[in-house]
Amino acid sequence: MSGAGVFLLFVLLAVVGPLVLYVLVREERDDRDVMRREDAERVARRDTGDDGRRR
């Protein structure tokens, strides 16, 4: 009987685990910052110095 319980636990984890990961990734994707191209270029230029090295 305990063998069936362990098998059921593994099956449950195999089904629920990927669904939990999917929900977490989906929430992270929905929470990203969206900006116009001009704003993104300005932020990218601000991240580097005149000599091309990162600040």
PDB file of N, CA and C in Angstrom:
ATOM      1  N   MET A   1       0.819  -1.186   0.000  1.00  0.00           N
ATOM      2  CA  MET A   1       0.000   0.000   0.000  1.00  0.00           C
ATOM      3  C   MET A   1       0.867   1.255   0.000  1.00  0.00           C
ATOM      4  N   SER A   2       1.991   1.247   0.721  1.00  0.00           N
ATOM      5  CA  SER A   2       2.828   2.444   0.757  1.00  0.00           C
ATOM      6  C   SER A   2       3.508   2.685  -0.594  1.00  0.00           C
ATOM      7  N   GLY A   3       3.745   1.612  -1.348  1.00  0.00           N
ATOM      8  CA  GLY A   3       4.323   1.767  -2.689  1.00  0.00           C
ATOM      9  C   GLY A   3       3.386   2.537  -3.602  1.00  0.00           C
ATOM     10  N   ALA A   4       2.092   2.263  -3.485  1.00  0.00           N
ATOM     11  CA  ALA A   4       1.108   2.990  -4.288  1.00  0.00           C
ATOM     12  C   ALA A   4       1.041   4.456  -3.863  1.00  0.00           C
ATOM     13  N   GLY A   5       1.196   4.714  -2.579  1.00  0.00           N
ATOM     14  CA  GLY A   5       1.188   6.094  -2.091  1.00  0.00           C
ATOM     15  C   GLY A   5       2.380   6.881  -2.606  1.00  0.00           C
ATOM     16  N   VAL A   6       3.546   6.245  -2.613  1.00  0.00           N
ATOM     17  CA  VAL A   6       4.746   6.907  -3.128  1.00  0.00           C
ATOM     18  C   VAL A   6       4.592   7.170  -4.622  1.00  0.00           C
ATOM     19  N   PHE A   7       4.063   6.196  -5.349  1.00  0.00           N
ATOM     20  CA  PHE A   7       3.830   6.371  -6.782  1.00  0.00           C
ATOM     21  C   PHE A   7       2.853   7.514  -7.034  1.00  0.00           C
ATOM     22  N   LEU A   8       1.789   7.571  -6.260  1.00  0.00           N
ATOM     23  CA  LEU A   8       0.803   8.640  -6.404  1.00  0.00           C
ATOM     24  C   LEU A   8       1.429  10.004  -6.097  1.00  0.00           C
ATOM     25  N   LEU A   9       2.298  10.050  -5.103  1.00  0.00           N
ATOM     26  CA  LEU A   9       2.986  11.295  -4.770  1.00  0.00           C
ATOM     27  C   LEU A   9       3.866  11.759  -5.929  1.00  0.00           C
ATOM     28  N   PHE A  10       4.613  10.849  -6.534  1.00  0.00           N
ATOM     29  CA  PHE A  10       5.459  11.209  -7.673  1.00  0.00           C
ATOM     30  C   PHE A  10       4.630  11.668  -8.867  1.00  0.00           C
ATOM     31  N   VAL A  11       3.527  11.001  -9.121  1.00  0.00           N
ATOM     32  CA  VAL A  11       2.655  11.406 -10.228  1.00  0.00           C
ATOM     33  C   VAL A  11       2.084  12.793  -9.956  1.00  0.00           C
ATOM     34  N   LEU A  12       1.670  13.034  -8.739  1.00  0.00           N
ATOM     35  CA  LEU A  12       1.125  14.338  -8.375  1.00  0.00           C
ATOM     36  C   LEU A  12       2.179  15.435  -8.548  1.00  0.00           C
ATOM     37  N   LEU A  13       3.402  15.186  -8.098  1.00  0.00           N
ATOM     38  CA  LEU A  13       4.478  16.161  -8.272  1.00  0.00           C
ATOM     39  C   LEU A  13       4.819  16.367  -9.745  1.00  0.00           C
ATOM     40  N   ALA A  14       4.753  15.301 -10.532  1.00  0.00           N
ATOM     41  CA  ALA A  14       5.057  15.410 -11.959  1.00  0.00           C
ATOM     42  C   ALA A  14       4.019  16.247 -12.692  1.00  0.00           C
ATOM     43  N   VAL A  15       2.800  16.274 -12.209  1.00  0.00           N
ATOM     44  CA  VAL A  15       1.747  17.054 -12.856  1.00  0.00           C
ATOM     45  C   VAL A  15       1.700  18.472 -12.295  1.00  0.00           C
ATOM     46  N   VAL A  16       1.788  18.620 -10.993  1.00  0.00           N
ATOM     47  CA  VAL A  16       1.626  19.925 -10.356  1.00  0.00           C
ATOM     48  C   VAL A  16       2.892  20.777 -10.495  1.00  0.00           C
ATOM     49  N   GLY A  17       4.063  20.179 -10.434  1.00  0.00           N
ATOM     50  CA  GLY A  17       5.318  20.927 -10.505  1.00  0.00           C
ATOM     51  C   GLY A  17       5.436  21.807 -11.741  1.00  0.00           C
ATOM     52  N   PRO A  18       5.274  21.257 -12.937  1.00  0.00           N
ATOM     53  CA  PRO A  18       5.355  22.102 -14.136  1.00  0.00           C
ATOM     54  C   PRO A  18       4.278  23.181 -14.182  1.00  0.00           C
ATOM     55  N   LEU A  19       3.109  22.898 -13.672  1.00  0.00           N
ATOM     56  CA  LEU A  19       2.054  23.914 -13.657  1.00  0.00           C
ATOM     57  C   LEU A  19       2.421  25.075 -12.742  1.00  0.00           C
ATOM     58  N   VAL A  20       3.021  24.776 -11.604  1.00  0.00           N
ATOM     59  CA  VAL A  20       3.455  25.836 -10.690  1.00  0.00           C
ATOM     60  C   VAL A  20       4.549  26.674 -11.350  1.00  0.00           C
ATOM     61  N   LEU A  21       5.509  26.025 -12.003  1.00  0.00           N
ATOM     62  CA  LEU A  21       6.555  26.764 -12.701  1.00  0.00           C
ATOM     63  C   LEU A  21       5.971  27.638 -13.805  1.00  0.00           C
ATOM     64  N   TYR A  22       4.998  27.125 -14.540  1.00  0.00           N
ATOM     65  CA  TYR A  22       4.353  27.893 -15.606  1.00  0.00           C
ATOM     66  C   TYR A  22       3.696  29.150 -15.044  1.00  0.00           C
ATOM     67  N   VAL A  23       2.987  29.011 -13.946  1.00  0.00           N
ATOM     68  CA  VAL A  23       2.307  30.161 -13.343  1.00  0.00           C
ATOM     69  C   VAL A  23       3.329  31.188 -12.867  1.00  0.00           C
ATOM     70  N   LEU A  24       4.411  30.746 -12.250  1.00  0.00           N
ATOM     71  CA  LEU A  24       5.432  31.678 -11.764  1.00  0.00           C
ATOM     72  C   LEU A  24       6.094  32.437 -12.911  1.00  0.00           C
ATOM     73  N   VAL A  25       6.419  31.745 -13.990  1.00  0.00           N
ATOM     74  CA  VAL A  25       7.036  32.405 -15.140  1.00  0.00           C
ATOM     75  C   VAL A  25       6.049  33.358 -15.794  1.00  0.00           C
ATOM     76  N   ARG A  26       4.805  32.964 -15.871  1.00  0.00           N
ATOM     77  CA  ARG A  26       3.778  33.823 -16.478  1.00  0.00           C
ATOM     78  C   ARG A  26       3.597  35.112 -15.672  1.00  0.00           C
ATOM     79  N   GLU A  27       3.597  35.012 -14.353  1.00  0.00           N
ATOM     80  CA  GLU A  27       3.469  36.202 -13.507  1.00  0.00           C
ATOM     81  C   GLU A  27       4.676  37.119 -13.669  1.00  0.00           C
ATOM     82  N   GLU A  28       5.862  36.540 -13.794  1.00  0.00           N
ATOM     83  CA  GLU A  28       7.059  37.352 -13.983  1.00  0.00           C
ATOM     84  C   GLU A  28       7.012  38.070 -15.328  1.00  0.00           C
ATOM     85  N   ARG A  29       6.521  37.398 -16.349  1.00  0.00           N
ATOM     86  CA  ARG A  29       6.421  38.009 -17.670  1.00  0.00           C
ATOM     87  C   ARG A  29       5.432  39.166 -17.660  1.00  0.00           C
ATOM     88  N   ASP A  30       4.337  39.021 -16.968  1.00  0.00           N
ATOM     89  CA  ASP A  30       3.324  40.069 -16.927  1.00  0.00           C
ATOM     90  C   ASP A  30       3.768  41.272 -16.110  1.00  0.00           C
ATOM     91  N   ASP A  31       4.806  41.112 -15.295  1.00  0.00           N
ATOM     92  CA  ASP A  31       5.251  42.173 -14.397  1.00  0.00           C
ATOM     93  C   ASP A  31       6.433  42.966 -14.957  1.00  0.00           C
ATOM     94  N   ARG A  32       6.797  42.754 -16.209  1.00  0.00           N
ATOM     95  CA  ARG A  32       7.973  43.434 -16.755  1.00  0.00           C
ATOM     96  C   ARG A  32       7.659  44.879 -17.120  1.00  0.00           C
ATOM     97  N   ASP A  33       8.709  45.682 -17.143  1.00  0.00           N
ATOM     98  CA  ASP A  33       8.575  47.087 -17.513  1.00  0.00           C
ATOM     99  C   ASP A  33       8.543  47.204 -19.034  1.00  0.00           C
ATOM    100  N   VAL A  34       7.617  47.987 -19.536  1.00  0.00           N
ATOM    101  CA  VAL A  34       7.512  48.228 -20.972  1.00  0.00           C
ATOM    102  C   VAL A  34       7.790  49.703 -21.197  1.00  0.00           C
ATOM    103  N   MET A  35       8.689  49.987 -22.149  1.00  0.00           N
ATOM    104  CA  MET A  35       9.010  51.381 -22.431  1.00  0.00           C
ATOM    105  C   MET A  35       9.156  51.573 -23.932  1.00  0.00           C
ATOM    106  N   ARG A  36       9.105  52.832 -24.338  1.00  0.00           N
ATOM    107  CA  ARG A  36       9.281  53.149 -25.749  1.00  0.00           C
ATOM    108  C   ARG A  36      10.725  52.899 -26.153  1.00  0.00           C
ATOM    109  N   ARG A  37      10.949  52.737 -27.445  1.00  0.00           N
ATOM    110  CA  ARG A  37      12.294  52.460 -27.946  1.00  0.00           C
ATOM    111  C   ARG A  37      13.264  53.584 -27.588  1.00  0.00           C
ATOM    112  N   GLU A  38      12.826  54.825 -27.705  1.00  0.00           N
ATOM    113  CA  GLU A  38      13.699  55.957 -27.403  1.00  0.00           C
ATOM    114  C   GLU A  38      14.137  55.934 -25.935  1.00  0.00           C
ATOM    115  N   ASP A  39      13.209  55.620 -25.061  1.00  0.00           N
ATOM    116  CA  ASP A  39      13.547  55.539 -23.636  1.00  0.00           C
ATOM    117  C   ASP A  39      14.527  54.402 -23.364  1.00  0.00           C
ATOM    118  N   ALA A  40      14.331  53.270 -24.023  1.00  0.00           N
ATOM    119  CA  ALA A  40      15.222  52.126 -23.830  1.00  0.00           C
ATOM    120  C   ALA A  40      16.631  52.450 -24.321  1.00  0.00           C
ATOM    121  N   GLU A  41      16.727  53.145 -25.457  1.00  0.00           N
ATOM    122  CA  GLU A  41      18.048  53.524 -25.959  1.00  0.00           C
ATOM    123  C   GLU A  41      18.733  54.507 -25.015  1.00  0.00           C
ATOM    124  N   ARG A  42      17.983  55.432 -24.448  1.00  0.00           N
ATOM    125  CA  ARG A  42      18.555  56.396 -23.509  1.00  0.00           C
ATOM    126  C   ARG A  42      19.078  55.685 -22.262  1.00  0.00           C
ATOM    127  N   VAL A  43      18.318  54.731 -21.761  1.00  0.00           N
ATOM    128  CA  VAL A  43      18.755  53.971 -20.582  1.00  0.00           C
ATOM    129  C   VAL A  43      19.989  53.147 -20.916  1.00  0.00           C
ATOM    130  N   ALA A  44      20.030  52.548 -22.105  1.00  0.00           N
ATOM    131  CA  ALA A  44      21.188  51.742 -22.497  1.00  0.00           C
ATOM    132  C   ALA A  44      22.432  52.613 -22.641  1.00  0.00           C
ATOM    133  N   ARG A  45      22.294  53.807 -23.181  1.00  0.00           N
ATOM    134  CA  ARG A  45      23.450  54.705 -23.312  1.00  0.00           C
ATOM    135  C   ARG A  45      23.943  55.162 -21.944  1.00  0.00           C
ATOM    136  N   ARG A  46      23.040  55.329 -21.018  1.00  0.00           N
ATOM    137  CA  ARG A  46      23.414  55.780 -19.682  1.00  0.00           C
ATOM    138  C   ARG A  46      24.194  54.698 -18.933  1.00  0.00           C
ATOM    139  N   ASP A  47      24.003  53.410 -19.317  1.00  0.00           N
ATOM    140  CA  ASP A  47      24.685  52.303 -18.642  1.00  0.00           C
ATOM    141  C   ASP A  47      26.150  52.181 -19.032  1.00  0.00           C
ATOM    142  N   THR A  48      26.576  52.801 -20.141  1.00  0.00           N
ATOM    143  CA  THR A  48      27.960  52.671 -20.583  1.00  0.00           C
ATOM    144  C   THR A  48      28.614  54.037 -20.618  1.00  0.00           C
ATOM    145  N   GLY A  49      29.916  54.054 -20.419  1.00  0.00           N
ATOM    146  CA  GLY A  49      30.664  55.306 -20.459  1.00  0.00           C
ATOM    147  C   GLY A  49      31.092  55.634 -21.878  1.00  0.00           C
ATOM    148  N   ASP A  50      31.837  56.728 -22.032  1.00  0.00           N
ATOM    149  CA  ASP A  50      32.301  57.150 -23.350  1.00  0.00           C
ATOM    150  C   ASP A  50      33.314  56.181 -23.942  1.00  0.00           C
ATOM    151  N   ASP A  51      34.070  55.497 -23.093  1.00  0.00           N
ATOM    152  CA  ASP A  51      35.086  54.569 -23.583  1.00  0.00           C
ATOM    153  C   ASP A  51      34.539  53.162 -23.800  1.00  0.00           C
ATOM    154  N   GLY A  52      33.237  52.957 -23.654  1.00  0.00           N
ATOM    155  CA  GLY A  52      32.619  51.663 -23.909  1.00  0.00           C
ATOM    156  C   GLY A  52      32.581  50.734 -22.715  1.00  0.00           C
ATOM    157  N   ARG A  53      33.202  51.137 -21.609  1.00  0.00           N
ATOM    158  CA  ARG A  53      33.170  50.279 -20.419  1.00  0.00           C
ATOM    159  C   ARG A  53      31.915  50.547 -19.625  1.00  0.00           C
ATOM    160  N   ARG A  54      31.471  49.519 -18.934  1.00  0.00           N
ATOM    161  CA  ARG A  54      30.282  49.672 -18.083  1.00  0.00           C
ATOM    162  C   ARG A  54      30.617  50.495 -16.866  1.00  0.00           C
ATOM    163  N   ARG A  55      29.648  51.229 -16.410  1.00  0.00           N
ATOM    164  CA  ARG A  55      29.834  52.022 -15.189  1.00  0.00           C
ATOM    165  C   ARG A  55      29.519  51.203 -13.983  1.00  0.00           C
TER     166      ARG A  55
END
